[in-house]
Amino acid sequence: MEPADLLDQHSIKPAGLEAMPAPPARRETLSRVQETLPRSCVVCGAPAAAARVVRFAGAGPRWVDLCWDDGMAVRPRCRGRETLEGIAANLRAASQEASVPVHRRCRSILRSKRLLVAPRPETR
């Protein structure tokens, strides 16, 4: 979910958010979260754990202070493949695209449709 979607879901309008100086420096964002008197989450009112910037058409960039839960709800998710077969497919495609020389053994593994995973050695 995007931060703007979360704000729309809770009927939070840009006019109610603090205007942000453009462009924000990383230190400004960190100092905003680390203030002695923590800011409140704009969604639920809990102490803010993250500060994001949302750009609104017509209103410009605004600070969006979020608690841990709301901040995690709008956190960018990894869009990569999650299975070993998917990762192997990505590696195959990337090596072909980049014309990277691949070791003969690795080439045969990447060409196969299933991955061979060696068992971990036992430790004593």
Foldseek 3Di string as FASTA:
>chain_A
DAPVVLCVVQVNDQVPFAADPPPDDPVVFVCQCVPPPFAAAPRPGHGFNGWDWDQDVPNGIGIGTHHPVVCVVNDDDDPADDDPLRVLQVVVVVCVVVVPDDPPVNVVQSPDSDHDDDDDDDDD
